[in-house]
Amino acid sequence: MLSIKILGPGCANCRKLEQIAHEAVAALGIEAEISKVTDMQQIIAYDVLKTPGLVINEKLVSSGRIPTPQSVAEWIRAAG
């Protein structure tokens, strides 16, 4: 199963990114565990300087912006 992490303090952008991740997973029809990481020490451990961050299978694929649903779906496909 795919592991997807949303890195951020829980701001509006973080929630938007989480929503996009859920939509991408549903559109692809795959199973994934989507979790939120709000602890700043853990976020910094991923080398994220600006939130929100998106980690797929422990690989940082995006930070500091909200990617398009198409981009997220492509990253999920590539990781799967």
PDB file of N, CA and C in Angstrom:
ATOM      1  N   MET A   1       0.844  -1.193   0.000  1.00  0.00           N
ATOM      2  CA  MET A   1       0.000   0.000   0.000  1.00  0.00           C
ATOM      3  C   MET A   1       0.880   1.244   0.000  1.00  0.00           C
ATOM      4  N   LEU A   2       0.445   2.228  -0.745  1.00  0.00           N
ATOM      5  CA  LEU A   2       1.166   3.491  -0.851  1.00  0.00           C
ATOM      6  C   LEU A   2       1.058   4.286   0.445  1.00  0.00           C
ATOM      7  N   SER A   3       2.121   4.977   0.789  1.00  0.00           N
ATOM      8  CA  SER A   3       2.122   5.849   1.957  1.00  0.00           C
ATOM      9  C   SER A   3       2.244   7.293   1.476  1.00  0.00           C
ATOM     10  N   ILE A   4       1.261   8.108   1.827  1.00  0.00           N
ATOM     11  CA  ILE A   4       1.258   9.519   1.433  1.00  0.00           C
ATOM     12  C   ILE A   4       1.188  10.354   2.697  1.00  0.00           C
ATOM     13  N   LYS A   5       2.099  11.315   2.808  1.00  0.00           N
ATOM     14  CA  LYS A   5       2.113  12.189   3.981  1.00  0.00           C
ATOM     15  C   LYS A   5       1.971  13.630   3.543  1.00  0.00           C
ATOM     16  N   ILE A   6       1.115  14.353   4.242  1.00  0.00           N
ATOM     17  CA  ILE A   6       0.941  15.786   4.048  1.00  0.00           C
ATOM     18  C   ILE A   6       1.693  16.456   5.192  1.00  0.00           C
ATOM     19  N   LEU A   7       2.696  17.260   4.854  1.00  0.00           N
ATOM     20  CA  LEU A   7       3.511  17.923   5.868  1.00  0.00           C
ATOM     21  C   LEU A   7       3.068  19.366   6.028  1.00  0.00           C
ATOM     22  N   GLY A   8       2.746  19.755   7.253  1.00  0.00           N
ATOM     23  CA  GLY A   8       2.366  21.143   7.494  1.00  0.00           C
ATOM     24  C   GLY A   8       1.634  21.280   8.822  1.00  0.00           C
ATOM     25  N   PRO A   9       1.490  22.507   9.275  1.00  0.00           N
ATOM     26  CA  PRO A   9       0.891  22.768  10.590  1.00  0.00           C
ATOM     27  C   PRO A   9      -0.626  22.621  10.619  1.00  0.00           C
ATOM     28  N   GLY A  10      -1.245  22.385   9.473  1.00  0.00           N
ATOM     29  CA  GLY A  10      -2.702  22.271   9.438  1.00  0.00           C
ATOM     30  C   GLY A  10      -3.368  23.503   8.864  1.00  0.00           C
ATOM     31  N   CYS A  11      -2.623  24.268   8.103  1.00  0.00           N
ATOM     32  CA  CYS A  11      -3.151  25.497   7.495  1.00  0.00           C
ATOM     33  C   CYS A  11      -4.110  25.165   6.347  1.00  0.00           C
ATOM     34  N   ALA A  12      -4.724  26.178   5.790  1.00  0.00           N
ATOM     35  CA  ALA A  12      -5.673  25.979   4.693  1.00  0.00           C
ATOM     36  C   ALA A  12      -5.009  25.287   3.507  1.00  0.00           C
ATOM     37  N   ASN A  13      -3.774  25.670   3.189  1.00  0.00           N
ATOM     38  CA  ASN A  13      -3.068  25.046   2.068  1.00  0.00           C
ATOM     39  C   ASN A  13      -2.803  23.568   2.336  1.00  0.00           C
ATOM     40  N   CYS A  14      -2.501  23.235   3.586  1.00  0.00           N
ATOM     41  CA  CYS A  14      -2.265  21.834   3.959  1.00  0.00           C
ATOM     42  C   CYS A  14      -3.543  21.024   3.781  1.00  0.00           C
ATOM     43  N   ARG A  15      -4.657  21.594   4.193  1.00  0.00           N
ATOM     44  CA  ARG A  15      -5.942  20.899   4.048  1.00  0.00           C
ATOM     45  C   ARG A  15      -6.302  20.731   2.576  1.00  0.00           C
ATOM     46  N   LYS A  16      -6.009  21.749   1.771  1.00  0.00           N
ATOM     47  CA  LYS A  16      -6.278  21.682   0.333  1.00  0.00           C
ATOM     48  C   LYS A  16      -5.440  20.576  -0.304  1.00  0.00           C
ATOM     49  N   LEU A  17      -4.166  20.504   0.069  1.00  0.00           N
ATOM     50  CA  LEU A  17      -3.282  19.473  -0.475  1.00  0.00           C
ATOM     51  C   LEU A  17      -3.776  18.078  -0.071  1.00  0.00           C
ATOM     52  N   GLU A  18      -4.244  17.956   1.164  1.00  0.00           N
ATOM     53  CA  GLU A  18      -4.773  16.665   1.621  1.00  0.00           C
ATOM     54  C   GLU A  18      -5.991  16.269   0.784  1.00  0.00           C
ATOM     55  N   GLN A  19      -6.858  17.236   0.515  1.00  0.00           N
ATOM     56  CA  GLN A  19      -8.050  16.984  -0.299  1.00  0.00           C
ATOM     57  C   GLN A  19      -7.640  16.524  -1.704  1.00  0.00           C
ATOM     58  N   ILE A  20      -6.654  17.184  -2.297  1.00  0.00           N
ATOM     59  CA  ILE A  20      -6.167  16.824  -3.631  1.00  0.00           C
ATOM     60  C   ILE A  20      -5.602  15.402  -3.621  1.00  0.00           C
ATOM     61  N   ALA A  21      -4.862  15.062  -2.571  1.00  0.00           N
ATOM     62  CA  ALA A  21      -4.283  13.716  -2.467  1.00  0.00           C
ATOM     63  C   ALA A  21      -5.384  12.664  -2.407  1.00  0.00           C
ATOM     64  N   HIS A  22      -6.429  12.928  -1.598  1.00  0.00           N
ATOM     65  CA  HIS A  22      -7.553  11.992  -1.503  1.00  0.00           C
ATOM     66  C   HIS A  22      -8.240  11.832  -2.868  1.00  0.00           C
ATOM     67  N   GLU A  23      -8.425  12.954  -3.586  1.00  0.00           N
ATOM     68  CA  GLU A  23      -9.078  12.909  -4.894  1.00  0.00           C
ATOM     69  C   GLU A  23      -8.239  12.128  -5.896  1.00  0.00           C
ATOM     70  N   ALA A  24      -6.918  12.332  -5.865  1.00  0.00           N
ATOM     71  CA  ALA A  24      -6.025  11.639  -6.804  1.00  0.00           C
ATOM     72  C   ALA A  24      -6.051  10.135  -6.556  1.00  0.00           C
ATOM     73  N   VAL A  25      -6.014   9.738  -5.294  1.00  0.00           N
ATOM     74  CA  VAL A  25      -6.057   8.316  -4.941  1.00  0.00           C
ATOM     75  C   VAL A  25      -7.380   7.703  -5.406  1.00  0.00           C
ATOM     76  N   ALA A  26      -8.475   8.416  -5.162  1.00  0.00           N
ATOM     77  CA  ALA A  26      -9.798   7.918  -5.565  1.00  0.00           C
ATOM     78  C   ALA A  26      -9.900   7.808  -7.082  1.00  0.00           C
ATOM     79  N   ALA A  27      -9.367   8.795  -7.791  1.00  0.00           N
ATOM     80  CA  ALA A  27      -9.426   8.800  -9.253  1.00  0.00           C
ATOM     81  C   ALA A  27      -8.622   7.644  -9.840  1.00  0.00           C
ATOM     82  N   LEU A  28      -7.510   7.305  -9.192  1.00  0.00           N
ATOM     83  CA  LEU A  28      -6.675   6.212  -9.671  1.00  0.00           C
ATOM     84  C   LEU A  28      -7.192   4.848  -9.220  1.00  0.00           C
ATOM     85  N   GLY A  29      -8.097   4.865  -8.257  1.00  0.00           N
ATOM     86  CA  GLY A  29      -8.665   3.622  -7.771  1.00  0.00           C
ATOM     87  C   GLY A  29      -7.662   2.730  -7.048  1.00  0.00           C
ATOM     88  N   ILE A  30      -6.749   3.349  -6.317  1.00  0.00           N
ATOM     89  CA  ILE A  30      -5.745   2.572  -5.585  1.00  0.00           C
ATOM     90  C   ILE A  30      -5.906   2.770  -4.085  1.00  0.00           C
ATOM     91  N   GLU A  31      -5.256   1.903  -3.320  1.00  0.00           N
ATOM     92  CA  GLU A  31      -5.282   2.049  -1.878  1.00  0.00           C
ATOM     93  C   GLU A  31      -4.048   2.812  -1.430  1.00  0.00           C
ATOM     94  N   ALA A  32      -4.249   3.742  -0.542  1.00  0.00           N
ATOM     95  CA  ALA A  32      -3.127   4.504  -0.001  1.00  0.00           C
ATOM     96  C   ALA A  32      -3.464   4.940   1.412  1.00  0.00           C
ATOM     97  N   GLU A  33      -2.451   5.002   2.221  1.00  0.00           N
ATOM     98  CA  GLU A  33      -2.616   5.514   3.572  1.00  0.00           C
ATOM     99  C   GLU A  33      -2.182   6.977   3.548  1.00  0.00           C
ATOM    100  N   ILE A  34      -3.122   7.876   3.788  1.00  0.00           N
ATOM    101  CA  ILE A  34      -2.823   9.309   3.772  1.00  0.00           C
ATOM    102  C   ILE A  34      -2.798   9.803   5.210  1.00  0.00           C
ATOM    103  N   SER A  35      -1.669  10.355   5.604  1.00  0.00           N
ATOM    104  CA  SER A  35      -1.550  10.844   6.976  1.00  0.00           C
ATOM    105  C   SER A  35      -1.019  12.269   6.975  1.00  0.00           C
ATOM    106  N   LYS A  36      -1.300  12.962   8.089  1.00  0.00           N
ATOM    107  CA  LYS A  36      -0.818  14.331   8.252  1.00  0.00           C
ATOM    108  C   LYS A  36       0.343  14.332   9.236  1.00  0.00           C
ATOM    109  N   VAL A  37       1.371  15.102   8.900  1.00  0.00           N
ATOM    110  CA  VAL A  37       2.510  15.275   9.804  1.00  0.00           C
ATOM    111  C   VAL A  37       2.531  16.748  10.188  1.00  0.00           C
ATOM    112  N   THR A  38       2.256  17.037  11.469  1.00  0.00           N
ATOM    113  CA  THR A  38       2.190  18.427  11.911  1.00  0.00           C
ATOM    114  C   THR A  38       3.363  18.812  12.814  1.00  0.00           C
ATOM    115  N   ASP A  39       4.144  17.822  13.226  1.00  0.00           N
ATOM    116  CA  ASP A  39       5.284  18.083  14.108  1.00  0.00           C
ATOM    117  C   ASP A  39       6.419  18.723  13.306  1.00  0.00           C
ATOM    118  N   MET A  40       6.826  19.938  13.703  1.00  0.00           N
ATOM    119  CA  MET A  40       7.830  20.681  12.933  1.00  0.00           C
ATOM    120  C   MET A  40       9.157  19.938  12.838  1.00  0.00           C
ATOM    121  N   GLN A  41       9.552  19.211  13.878  1.00  0.00           N
ATOM    122  CA  GLN A  41      10.814  18.461  13.817  1.00  0.00           C
ATOM    123  C   GLN A  41      10.749  17.380  12.735  1.00  0.00           C
ATOM    124  N   GLN A  42       9.613  16.714  12.635  1.00  0.00           N
ATOM    125  CA  GLN A  42       9.449  15.688  11.599  1.00  0.00           C
ATOM    126  C   GLN A  42       9.416  16.324  10.209  1.00  0.00           C
ATOM    127  N   ILE A  43       8.756  17.463  10.095  1.00  0.00           N
ATOM    128  CA  ILE A  43       8.669  18.158   8.807  1.00  0.00           C
ATOM    129  C   ILE A  43      10.070  18.577   8.355  1.00  0.00           C
ATOM    130  N   ILE A  44      10.845  19.149   9.271  1.00  0.00           N
ATOM    131  CA  ILE A  44      12.214  19.584   8.949  1.00  0.00           C
ATOM    132  C   ILE A  44      13.077  18.386   8.551  1.00  0.00           C
ATOM    133  N   ALA A  45      12.816  17.222   9.146  1.00  0.00           N
ATOM    134  CA  ALA A  45      13.580  16.014   8.815  1.00  0.00           C
ATOM    135  C   ALA A  45      13.436  15.633   7.342  1.00  0.00           C
ATOM    136  N   TYR A  46      12.345  16.057   6.707  1.00  0.00           N
ATOM    137  CA  TYR A  46      12.142  15.804   5.275  1.00  0.00           C
ATOM    138  C   TYR A  46      12.751  16.914   4.408  1.00  0.00           C
ATOM    139  N   ASP A  47      13.485  17.835   5.021  1.00  0.00           N
ATOM    140  CA  ASP A  47      14.090  18.976   4.309  1.00  0.00           C
ATOM    141  C   ASP A  47      13.049  19.908   3.700  1.00  0.00           C
ATOM    142  N   VAL A  48      11.912  20.030   4.370  1.00  0.00           N
ATOM    143  CA  VAL A  48      10.876  20.948   3.911  1.00  0.00           C
ATOM    144  C   VAL A  48      11.101  22.291   4.600  1.00  0.00           C
ATOM    145  N   LEU A  49      11.347  23.315   3.793  1.00  0.00           N
ATOM    146  CA  LEU A  49      11.555  24.651   4.338  1.00  0.00           C
ATOM    147  C   LEU A  49      10.260  25.452   4.332  1.00  0.00           C
ATOM    148  N   LYS A  50       9.363  25.102   3.422  1.00  0.00           N
ATOM    149  CA  LYS A  50       8.105  25.815   3.293  1.00  0.00           C
ATOM    150  C   LYS A  50       6.988  24.803   3.090  1.00  0.00           C
ATOM    151  N   THR A  51       5.935  24.918   3.909  1.00  0.00           N
ATOM    152  CA  THR A  51       4.815  23.984   3.790  1.00  0.00           C
ATOM    153  C   THR A  51       3.781  24.537   2.809  1.00  0.00           C
ATOM    154  N   PRO A  52       2.887  23.733   2.274  1.00  0.00           N
ATOM    155  CA  PRO A  52       2.737  22.320   2.586  1.00  0.00           C
ATOM    156  C   PRO A  52       3.738  21.453   1.824  1.00  0.00           C
ATOM    157  N   GLY A  53       4.019  20.299   2.392  1.00  0.00           N
ATOM    158  CA  GLY A  53       4.896  19.337   1.741  1.00  0.00           C
ATOM    159  C   GLY A  53       4.127  18.064   1.454  1.00  0.00           C
ATOM    160  N   LEU A  54       4.543  17.377   0.389  1.00  0.00           N
ATOM    161  CA  LEU A  54       3.895  16.123   0.017  1.00  0.00           C
ATOM    162  C   LEU A  54       4.967  15.049  -0.107  1.00  0.00           C
ATOM    163  N   VAL A  55       4.800  13.983   0.666  1.00  0.00           N
ATOM    164  CA  VAL A  55       5.739  12.865   0.659  1.00  0.00           C
ATOM    165  C   VAL A  55       4.985  11.617   0.218  1.00  0.00           C
ATOM    166  N   ILE A  56       5.529  10.928  -0.795  1.00  0.00           N
ATOM    167  CA  ILE A  56       4.937   9.681  -1.272  1.00  0.00           C
ATOM    168  C   ILE A  56       5.975   8.581  -1.098  1.00  0.00           C
ATOM    169  N   ASN A  57       5.619   7.561  -0.342  1.00  0.00           N
ATOM    170  CA  ASN A  57       6.550   6.460  -0.036  1.00  0.00           C
ATOM    171  C   ASN A  57       7.899   6.983   0.454  1.00  0.00           C
ATOM    172  N   GLU A  58       7.842   7.916   1.393  1.00  0.00           N
ATOM    173  CA  GLU A  58       9.023   8.505   2.048  1.00  0.00           C
ATOM    174  C   GLU A  58       9.894   9.360   1.124  1.00  0.00           C
ATOM    175  N   LYS A  59       9.374   9.723  -0.060  1.00  0.00           N
ATOM    176  CA  LYS A  59      10.117  10.594  -0.979  1.00  0.00           C
ATOM    177  C   LYS A  59       9.378  11.926  -1.094  1.00  0.00           C
ATOM    178  N   LEU A  60      10.082  13.024  -0.789  1.00  0.00           N
ATOM    179  CA  LEU A  60       9.487  14.358  -0.914  1.00  0.00           C
ATOM    180  C   LEU A  60       9.313  14.689  -2.390  1.00  0.00           C
ATOM    181  N   VAL A  61       8.073  14.950  -2.804  1.00  0.00           N
ATOM    182  CA  VAL A  61       7.809  15.255  -4.210  1.00  0.00           C
ATOM    183  C   VAL A  61       7.387  16.704  -4.427  1.00  0.00           C
ATOM    184  N   SER A  62       6.981  17.382  -3.351  1.00  0.00           N
ATOM    185  CA  SER A  62       6.539  18.767  -3.501  1.00  0.00           C
ATOM    186  C   SER A  62       6.616  19.485  -2.162  1.00  0.00           C
ATOM    187  N   SER A  63       7.003  20.768  -2.200  1.00  0.00           N
ATOM    188  CA  SER A  63       6.950  21.577  -0.978  1.00  0.00           C
ATOM    189  C   SER A  63       6.772  23.036  -1.331  1.00  0.00           C
ATOM    190  N   GLY A  64       6.100  23.757  -0.441  1.00  0.00           N
ATOM    191  CA  GLY A  64       5.932  25.197  -0.607  1.00  0.00           C
ATOM    192  C   GLY A  64       4.888  25.619  -1.615  1.00  0.00           C
ATOM    193  N   ARG A  65       4.111  24.654  -2.123  1.00  0.00           N
ATOM    194  CA  ARG A  65       3.077  25.017  -3.099  1.00  0.00           C
ATOM    195  C   ARG A  65       1.994  23.955  -3.087  1.00  0.00           C
ATOM    196  N   ILE A  66       0.890  24.259  -3.753  1.00  0.00           N
ATOM    197  CA  ILE A  66      -0.180  23.283  -3.912  1.00  0.00           C
ATOM    198  C   ILE A  66      -0.105  22.786  -5.356  1.00  0.00           C
ATOM    199  N   PRO A  67       0.338  21.544  -5.544  1.00  0.00           N
ATOM    200  CA  PRO A  67       0.430  21.016  -6.915  1.00  0.00           C
ATOM    201  C   PRO A  67      -0.954  20.731  -7.485  1.00  0.00           C
ATOM    202  N   THR A  68      -1.015  20.590  -8.798  1.00  0.00           N
ATOM    203  CA  THR A  68      -2.296  20.281  -9.442  1.00  0.00           C
ATOM    204  C   THR A  68      -2.671  18.832  -9.143  1.00  0.00           C
ATOM    205  N   PRO A  69      -3.964  18.525  -9.169  1.00  0.00           N
ATOM    206  CA  PRO A  69      -4.378  17.134  -8.973  1.00  0.00           C
ATOM    207  C   PRO A  69      -3.720  16.189  -9.992  1.00  0.00           C
ATOM    208  N   GLN A  70      -3.508  16.685 -11.224  1.00  0.00           N
ATOM    209  CA  GLN A  70      -2.865  15.861 -12.249  1.00  0.00           C
ATOM    210  C   GLN A  70      -1.435  15.518 -11.845  1.00  0.00           C
ATOM    211  N   SER A  71      -0.704  16.490 -11.315  1.00  0.00           N
ATOM    212  CA  SER A  71       0.667  16.245 -10.872  1.00  0.00           C
ATOM    213  C   SER A  71       0.696  15.220  -9.750  1.00  0.00           C
ATOM    214  N   VAL A  72      -0.189  15.382  -8.785  1.00  0.00           N
ATOM    215  CA  VAL A  72      -0.242  14.455  -7.654  1.00  0.00           C
ATOM    216  C   VAL A  72      -0.549  13.050  -8.154  1.00  0.00           C
ATOM    217  N   ALA A  73      -1.501  12.925  -9.084  1.00  0.00           N
ATOM    218  CA  ALA A  73      -1.862  11.614  -9.638  1.00  0.00           C
ATOM    219  C   ALA A  73      -0.657  10.994 -10.352  1.00  0.00           C
ATOM    220  N   GLU A  74       0.104  11.808 -11.091  1.00  0.00           N
ATOM    221  CA  GLU A  74       1.295  11.300 -11.792  1.00  0.00           C
ATOM    222  C   GLU A  74       2.337  10.807 -10.791  1.00  0.00           C
ATOM    223  N   TRP A  75       2.551  11.560  -9.713  1.00  0.00           N
ATOM    224  CA  TRP A  75       3.542  11.151  -8.699  1.00  0.00           C
ATOM    225  C   TRP A  75       3.114   9.855  -8.027  1.00  0.00           C
ATOM    226  N   ILE A  76       1.819   9.723  -7.777  1.00  0.00           N
ATOM    227  CA  ILE A  76       1.302   8.505  -7.147  1.00  0.00           C
ATOM    228  C   ILE A  76       1.487   7.319  -8.094  1.00  0.00           C
ATOM    229  N   ARG A  77       1.164   7.522  -9.384  1.00  0.00           N
ATOM    230  CA  ARG A  77       1.354   6.456 -10.372  1.00  0.00           C
ATOM    231  C   ARG A  77       2.816   6.040 -10.445  1.00  0.00           C
ATOM    232  N   ALA A  78       3.719   7.026 -10.468  1.00  0.00           N
ATOM    233  CA  ALA A  78       5.155   6.745 -10.567  1.00  0.00           C
ATOM    234  C   ALA A  78       5.657   5.979  -9.333  1.00  0.00           C
ATOM    235  N   ALA A  79       5.091   6.298  -8.169  1.00  0.00           N
ATOM    236  CA  ALA A  79       5.521   5.649  -6.921  1.00  0.00           C
ATOM    237  C   ALA A  79       4.949   4.241  -6.817  1.00  0.00           C
ATOM    238  N   GLY A  80       3.792   4.020  -7.445  1.00  0.00           N
ATOM    239  CA  GLY A  80       3.134   2.734  -7.328  1.00  0.00           C
ATOM    240  C   GLY A  80       3.793   1.696  -8.188  1.00  0.00           C
TER     241      GLY A  80
END
